[in-house]
C-alpha atoms as a PDB file:
ATOM      1  CA  MET A   1     -75.024-177.313-196.681  1.00  0.00           C
ATOM      2  CA  THR A   2     -72.790-179.250-194.055  1.00  0.00           C
ATOM      3  CA  SER A   3     -70.163-177.518-192.021  1.00  0.00           C
ATOM      4  CA  ASP A   4     -66.386-178.732-191.017  1.00  0.00           C
ATOM      5  CA  ILE A   5     -66.402-177.583-187.954  1.00  0.00           C
ATOM      6  CA  SER A   6     -68.458-178.643-185.177  1.00  0.00           C
ATOM      7  CA  PRO A   7     -69.704-176.521-182.601  1.00  0.00           C
ATOM      8  CA  HIS A   8     -68.403-178.241-180.165  1.00  0.00           C
ATOM      9  CA  ASP A   9     -64.821-177.824-182.173  1.00  0.00           C
ATOM     10  CA  PRO A  10     -61.550-177.798-179.940  1.00  0.00           C
ATOM     11  CA  HIS A  11     -59.929-175.385-181.477  1.00  0.00           C
ATOM     12  CA  GLU A  12     -62.717-173.347-182.209  1.00  0.00           C
ATOM     13  CA  THR A  13     -63.583-172.793-178.369  1.00  0.00           C
ATOM     14  CA  ALA A  14     -59.308-172.607-178.107  1.00  0.00           C
ATOM     15  CA  SER A  15     -59.522-169.259-179.914  1.00  0.00           C
ATOM     16  CA  ARG A  16     -62.445-167.462-178.601  1.00  0.00           C
ATOM     17  CA  HIS A  17     -61.449-168.126-174.839  1.00  0.00           C
ATOM     18  CA  ASP A  18     -60.190-164.659-172.397  1.00  0.00           C
ATOM     19  CA  PRO A  19     -57.091-163.024-172.987  1.00  0.00           C
ATOM     20  CA  VAL A  20     -56.318-162.758-169.483  1.00  0.00           C
ATOM     21  CA  TYR A  21     -55.863-166.894-168.774  1.00  0.00           C
ATOM     22  CA  ASP A  22     -52.655-166.708-171.473  1.00  0.00           C
ATOM     23  CA  GLN A  23     -51.214-163.867-168.603  1.00  0.00           C
ATOM     24  CA  LEU A  24     -52.076-166.069-165.427  1.00  0.00           C
ATOM     25  CA  HIS A  25     -50.431-169.151-167.700  1.00  0.00           C
ATOM     26  CA  ALA A  26     -47.692-166.636-168.062  1.00  0.00           C
ATOM     27  CA  ALA A  27     -47.128-165.605-165.413  1.00  0.00           C
ATOM     28  CA  PRO A  28     -44.061-167.359-162.393  1.00  0.00           C
ATOM     29  CA  GLU A  29     -46.818-167.552-159.774  1.00  0.00           C
ATOM     30  CA  PHE A  30     -48.479-170.136-161.621  1.00  0.00           C
ATOM     31  CA  ALA A  31     -45.581-171.413-162.333  1.00  0.00           C
ATOM     32  CA  GLU A  32     -44.504-171.770-159.516  1.00  0.00           C
ATOM     33  CA  LEU A  33     -48.628-173.178-157.884  1.00  0.00           C
ATOM     34  CA  ARG A  34     -47.723-175.815-160.666  1.00  0.00           C
ATOM     35  CA  ARG A  35     -43.840-177.411-159.209  1.00  0.00           C
ATOM     36  CA  ARG A  36     -45.002-177.380-155.777  1.00  0.00           C
ATOM     37  CA  TYR A  37     -48.340-178.393-156.828  1.00  0.00           C
ATOM     38  CA  ARG A  38     -45.988-181.879-159.037  1.00  0.00           C
ATOM     39  CA  GLY A  39     -43.830-181.753-156.576  1.00  0.00           C
ATOM     40  CA  PHE A  40     -45.877-183.457-154.018  1.00  0.00           C
ATOM     41  CA  VAL A  41     -48.881-185.084-155.743  1.00  0.00           C
ATOM     42  CA  PHE A  42     -46.280-187.295-158.340  1.00  0.00           C
ATOM     43  CA  PRO A  43     -43.821-188.281-155.432  1.00  0.00           C
ATOM     44  CA  ALA A  44     -47.121-189.416-153.431  1.00  0.00           C
ATOM     45  CA  THR A  45     -48.779-190.955-156.577  1.00  0.00           C
ATOM     46  CA  ILE A  46     -45.200-192.661-156.520  1.00  0.00           C
ATOM     47  CA  ALA A  47     -44.559-194.370-153.640  1.00  0.00           C
ATOM     48  CA  PHE A  48     -48.580-195.935-152.765  1.00  0.00           C
ATOM     49  CA  LEU A  49     -48.245-196.883-155.637  1.00  0.00           C
ATOM     50  CA  VAL A  50     -44.972-199.142-155.527  1.00  0.00           C
ATOM     51  CA  TRP A  51     -46.555-199.396-152.103  1.00  0.00           C
ATOM     52  CA  TYR A  52     -49.374-200.951-153.795  1.00  0.00           C
ATOM     53  CA  LEU A  53     -47.201-203.654-155.430  1.00  0.00           C
ATOM     54  CA  LEU A  54     -45.892-203.830-153.484  1.00  0.00           C
ATOM     55  CA  TYR A  55     -48.190-206.077-152.184  1.00  0.00           C
ATOM     56  CA  VAL A  56     -49.468-207.464-154.725  1.00  0.00           C
ATOM     57  CA  VAL A  57     -46.492-208.718-156.295  1.00  0.00           C
ATOM     58  CA  LEU A  58     -46.379-210.294-152.170  1.00  0.00           C
ATOM     59  CA  SER A  59     -50.247-211.959-152.406  1.00  0.00           C
ATOM     60  CA  ASN A  60     -49.504-213.431-155.318  1.00  0.00           C
ATOM     61  CA  TRP A  61     -45.200-214.814-154.712  1.00  0.00           C
ATOM     62  CA  ALA A  62     -44.442-214.217-152.050  1.00  0.00           C
ATOM     63  CA  GLY A  63     -48.093-216.633-149.976  1.00  0.00           C
ATOM     64  CA  ASP A  64     -45.711-218.070-147.573  1.00  0.00           C
ATOM     65  CA  PHE A  65     -44.932-214.464-145.838  1.00  0.00           C
ATOM     66  CA  MET A  66     -48.004-213.358-146.701  1.00  0.00           C
ATOM     67  CA  SER A  67     -49.965-216.378-144.788  1.00  0.00           C
ATOM     68  CA  LYS A  68     -47.882-216.298-141.813  1.00  0.00           C
ATOM     69  CA  GLN A  69     -49.726-215.526-138.174  1.00  0.00           C
ATOM     70  CA  VAL A  70     -49.721-211.809-136.993  1.00  0.00           C
ATOM     71  CA  VAL A  71     -51.636-212.745-134.068  1.00  0.00           C
ATOM     72  CA  GLY A  72     -55.125-214.932-133.879  1.00  0.00           C
ATOM     73  CA  ASN A  73     -56.287-215.711-137.026  1.00  0.00           C
ATOM     74  CA  ILE A  74     -54.740-212.117-138.429  1.00  0.00           C
ATOM     75  CA  ASN A  75     -51.934-212.960-140.542  1.00  0.00           C
ATOM     76  CA  VAL A  76     -49.519-210.743-142.819  1.00  0.00           C
ATOM     77  CA  ALA A  77     -51.640-210.391-145.689  1.00  0.00           C
ATOM     78  CA  LEU A  78     -54.252-208.433-143.886  1.00  0.00           C
ATOM     79  CA  VAL A  79     -52.026-206.661-141.996  1.00  0.00           C
ATOM     80  CA  PHE A  80     -50.846-204.996-145.576  1.00  0.00           C
ATOM     81  CA  GLY A  81     -53.948-204.298-146.695  1.00  0.00           C
ATOM     82  CA  LEU A  82     -55.613-202.321-143.812  1.00  0.00           C
ATOM     83  CA  LEU A  83     -52.137-200.776-144.722  1.00  0.00           C
ATOM     84  CA  GLN A  84     -53.430-199.740-147.474  1.00  0.00           C
ATOM     85  CA  PHE A  85     -56.831-198.131-146.369  1.00  0.00           C
ATOM     86  CA  ALA A  86     -54.456-195.994-143.281  1.00  0.00           C
ATOM     87  CA  THR A  87     -51.718-195.163-147.053  1.00  0.00           C
ATOM     88  CA  THR A  88     -54.589-193.629-148.289  1.00  0.00           C
ATOM     89  CA  PHE A  89     -56.488-191.593-145.518  1.00  0.00           C
ATOM     90  CA  LEU A  90     -52.764-190.268-144.353  1.00  0.00           C
ATOM     91  CA  ILE A  91     -51.753-189.817-148.139  1.00  0.00           C
ATOM     92  CA  ALA A  92     -55.227-187.848-148.252  1.00  0.00           C
ATOM     93  CA  TRP A  93     -54.385-185.742-144.622  1.00  0.00           C
ATOM     94  CA  LEU A  94     -51.448-184.640-145.425  1.00  0.00           C
ATOM     95  CA  TYR A  95     -51.923-183.281-149.176  1.00  0.00           C
ATOM     96  CA  SER A  96     -55.080-181.761-147.198  1.00  0.00           C
ATOM     97  CA  ARG A  97     -52.358-179.324-145.013  1.00  0.00           C
ATOM     98  CA  TYR A  98     -49.627-179.405-147.550  1.00  0.00           C
ATOM     99  CA  SER A  99     -52.090-177.914-149.966  1.00  0.00           C
ATOM    100  CA  SER A 100     -53.487-175.627-146.963  1.00  0.00           C
ATOM    101  CA  SER A 101     -50.604-174.642-146.484  1.00  0.00           C
ATOM    102  CA  ARG A 102     -48.414-174.065-150.291  1.00  0.00           C
ATOM    103  CA  LEU A 103     -50.381-173.683-152.547  1.00  0.00           C
ATOM    104  CA  ASP A 104     -54.094-172.088-151.359  1.00  0.00           C
ATOM    105  CA  PRO A 105     -52.000-168.560-150.239  1.00  0.00           C
ATOM    106  CA  LEU A 106     -50.269-168.725-154.031  1.00  0.00           C
ATOM    107  CA  ALA A 107     -53.338-170.216-155.705  1.00  0.00           C
ATOM    108  CA  ARG A 108     -56.116-166.633-153.815  1.00  0.00           C
ATOM    109  CA  GLU A 109     -53.319-165.375-155.041  1.00  0.00           C
ATOM    110  CA  LEU A 110     -53.745-166.037-158.722  1.00  0.00           C
ATOM    111  CA  ASP A 111     -57.854-165.940-158.250  1.00  0.00           C
ATOM    112  CA  GLU A 112     -57.158-161.868-157.149  1.00  0.00           C
ATOM    113  CA  ARG A 113     -54.731-161.036-160.030  1.00  0.00           C
ATOM    114  CA  PHE A 114     -57.696-163.095-162.145  1.00  0.00           C
ATOM    115  CA  VAL A 115     -60.153-161.112-161.141  1.00  0.00           C
ATOM    116  CA  ALA A 116     -59.027-157.297-160.954  1.00  0.00           C
ATOM    117  CA  LEU A 117     -58.162-158.193-165.134  1.00  0.00           C
ATOM    118  CA  GLU A 118     -60.963-160.283-165.066  1.00  0.00           C
ATOM    119  CA  GLY A 119     -62.538-156.579-165.092  1.00  0.00           C
ATOM    120  CA  LYS A 120     -60.322-155.257-167.262  1.00  0.00           C
ATOM    121  CA  SER A 121     -60.894-157.970-170.219  1.00  0.00           C
ATOM    122  CA  SER A 122     -62.687-156.634-173.178  1.00  0.00           C
ATOM    123  CA  ARG A 123     -64.783-159.588-173.384  1.00  0.00           C
ATOM    124  CA  GLY A 124     -66.182-158.260-169.157  1.00  0.00           C
ATOM    125  CA  ARG A 125     -67.264-162.135-167.833  1.00  0.00           C
ATOM    126  CA  GLY A 126     -67.800-160.508-163.575  1.00  0.00           C
ATOM    127  CA  ASN A 127     -68.433-164.531-163.090  1.00  0.00           C
ATOM    128  CA  HIS A 128     -66.012-167.359-162.600  1.00  0.00           C
END
Protein backbone atom coordinates (compact mmCIF):
# COMPACT_ATOMS: atom_id res chain seq x y z
CA MET A 1 0.00 0.00 0.00
CA THR A 2 1.44 3.39 -0.97
CA SER A 3 0.72 6.74 0.56
CA ASP A 4 -0.19 9.80 -1.50
CA ILE A 5 1.92 11.99 0.76
CA SER A 6 5.66 11.66 0.44
CA PRO A 7 7.75 11.88 3.62
CA HIS A 8 9.07 15.24 2.38
CA ASP A 9 5.76 16.75 1.30
CA PRO A 10 6.11 20.56 1.66
CA HIS A 11 2.47 20.93 2.65
CA GLU A 12 2.93 18.48 5.50
CA THR A 13 6.07 20.32 6.60
CA ALA A 14 4.29 23.68 6.45
CA SER A 15 1.43 22.44 8.59
CA ARG A 16 3.88 21.28 11.28
CA HIS A 17 5.99 24.43 11.66
CA ASP A 18 6.01 26.30 14.92
CA PRO A 19 3.39 29.09 15.23
CA VAL A 20 6.16 31.35 16.53
CA TYR A 21 7.25 31.81 12.91
CA ASP A 22 3.79 33.07 11.99
CA GLN A 23 3.86 35.54 14.88
CA LEU A 24 7.25 36.86 13.84
CA HIS A 25 6.26 37.04 10.20
CA ALA A 26 3.21 39.13 11.13
CA ALA A 27 5.28 41.55 13.23
CA PRO A 28 5.72 45.07 11.81
CA GLU A 29 9.44 44.85 12.61
CA PHE A 30 9.78 41.85 10.30
CA ALA A 31 8.06 43.78 7.50
CA GLU A 32 10.41 46.70 8.18
CA LEU A 33 13.43 44.38 8.07
CA ARG A 34 12.31 43.03 4.69
CA ARG A 35 11.64 46.57 3.42
CA ARG A 36 15.11 47.75 4.45
CA TYR A 37 16.78 44.68 2.96
CA ARG A 38 14.96 45.05 -0.34
CA GLY A 39 15.59 48.80 -0.30
CA PHE A 40 19.30 48.12 -0.63
CA VAL A 41 19.49 44.83 -2.49
CA PHE A 42 17.11 45.52 -5.37
CA PRO A 43 18.57 48.92 -6.41
CA ALA A 44 22.15 47.65 -5.96
CA THR A 45 21.43 44.56 -8.05
CA ILE A 46 19.76 46.57 -10.80
CA ALA A 47 22.58 49.12 -10.84
CA PHE A 48 25.23 46.41 -11.04
CA LEU A 49 23.39 44.52 -13.81
CA VAL A 50 22.99 47.73 -15.84
CA TRP A 51 26.69 48.47 -15.35
CA TYR A 52 27.64 44.92 -16.37
CA LEU A 53 25.34 44.92 -19.41
CA LEU A 54 26.80 48.29 -20.46
CA TYR A 55 30.22 46.62 -20.44
CA VAL A 56 28.92 43.71 -22.53
CA VAL A 57 27.08 45.95 -24.99
CA LEU A 58 30.07 48.25 -25.42
CA SER A 59 32.35 45.26 -25.88
CA ASN A 60 30.10 43.87 -28.61
CA TRP A 61 28.98 46.98 -30.47
CA ALA A 62 31.48 49.72 -29.63
CA GLY A 63 34.74 47.97 -30.41
CA ASP A 64 36.44 51.16 -31.56
CA PHE A 65 35.68 52.86 -28.26
CA MET A 66 36.65 49.86 -26.14
CA SER A 67 39.95 49.39 -27.98
CA LYS A 68 41.13 52.97 -27.36
CA GLN A 69 44.41 53.06 -25.51
CA VAL A 70 44.26 54.74 -22.11
CA VAL A 71 47.86 54.31 -20.94
CA GLY A 72 50.43 52.18 -22.72
CA ASN A 73 48.82 48.85 -23.66
CA ILE A 74 45.86 49.38 -21.32
CA ASN A 75 42.65 50.05 -23.21
CA VAL A 76 39.14 51.10 -22.19
CA ALA A 77 37.90 47.48 -22.25
CA LEU A 78 40.52 46.40 -19.72
CA VAL A 79 39.70 49.36 -17.47
CA PHE A 80 35.96 48.54 -17.65
CA GLY A 81 36.68 44.88 -16.93
CA LEU A 82 38.79 45.69 -13.89
CA LEU A 83 36.15 48.13 -12.70
CA GLN A 84 33.67 45.23 -12.67
CA PHE A 85 35.76 43.63 -9.92
CA ALA A 86 36.12 46.92 -8.07
CA THR A 87 32.35 47.45 -8.26
CA THR A 88 31.70 43.98 -6.85
CA PHE A 89 33.92 44.64 -3.83
CA LEU A 90 32.46 48.13 -3.39
CA ILE A 91 28.90 46.80 -3.32
CA ALA A 92 29.91 44.07 -0.84
CA TRP A 93 31.55 46.68 1.42
CA LEU A 94 28.55 49.02 1.17
CA TYR A 95 26.17 46.17 1.95
CA SER A 96 28.24 45.17 4.97
CA ARG A 97 28.08 48.70 6.34
CA TYR A 98 24.38 49.02 5.54
CA SER A 99 23.60 45.66 7.09
CA SER A 100 25.55 46.41 10.25
CA SER A 101 23.85 49.73 10.83
CA ARG A 102 20.31 49.19 9.47
CA LEU A 103 19.54 45.47 9.34
CA ASP A 104 21.46 43.79 12.16
CA PRO A 105 19.92 45.77 15.06
CA LEU A 106 16.41 44.94 13.87
CA ALA A 107 17.34 41.32 13.18
CA ARG A 108 18.78 41.01 16.71
CA GLU A 109 15.55 42.41 18.15
CA LEU A 110 13.52 39.86 16.18
CA ASP A 111 15.89 37.08 17.25
CA GLU A 112 15.43 38.04 20.90
CA ARG A 113 11.67 38.00 20.40
CA PHE A 114 11.95 34.60 18.71
CA VAL A 115 13.89 33.18 21.65
CA ALA A 116 11.36 34.60 24.11
CA LEU A 117 8.37 33.32 22.13
CA GLU A 118 10.00 29.97 21.53
CA GLY A 119 10.33 29.48 25.26
CA LYS A 120 6.55 29.98 25.58
CA SER A 121 5.81 27.77 22.59
CA SER A 122 4.00 24.49 23.13
CA ARG A 123 6.70 22.75 21.12
CA GLY A 124 9.40 24.23 23.31
CA ARG A 125 12.41 23.81 21.01
CA GLY A 126 15.15 25.60 22.88
CA ASN A 127 17.54 25.74 19.95
CA HIS A 128 17.32 27.67 16.67
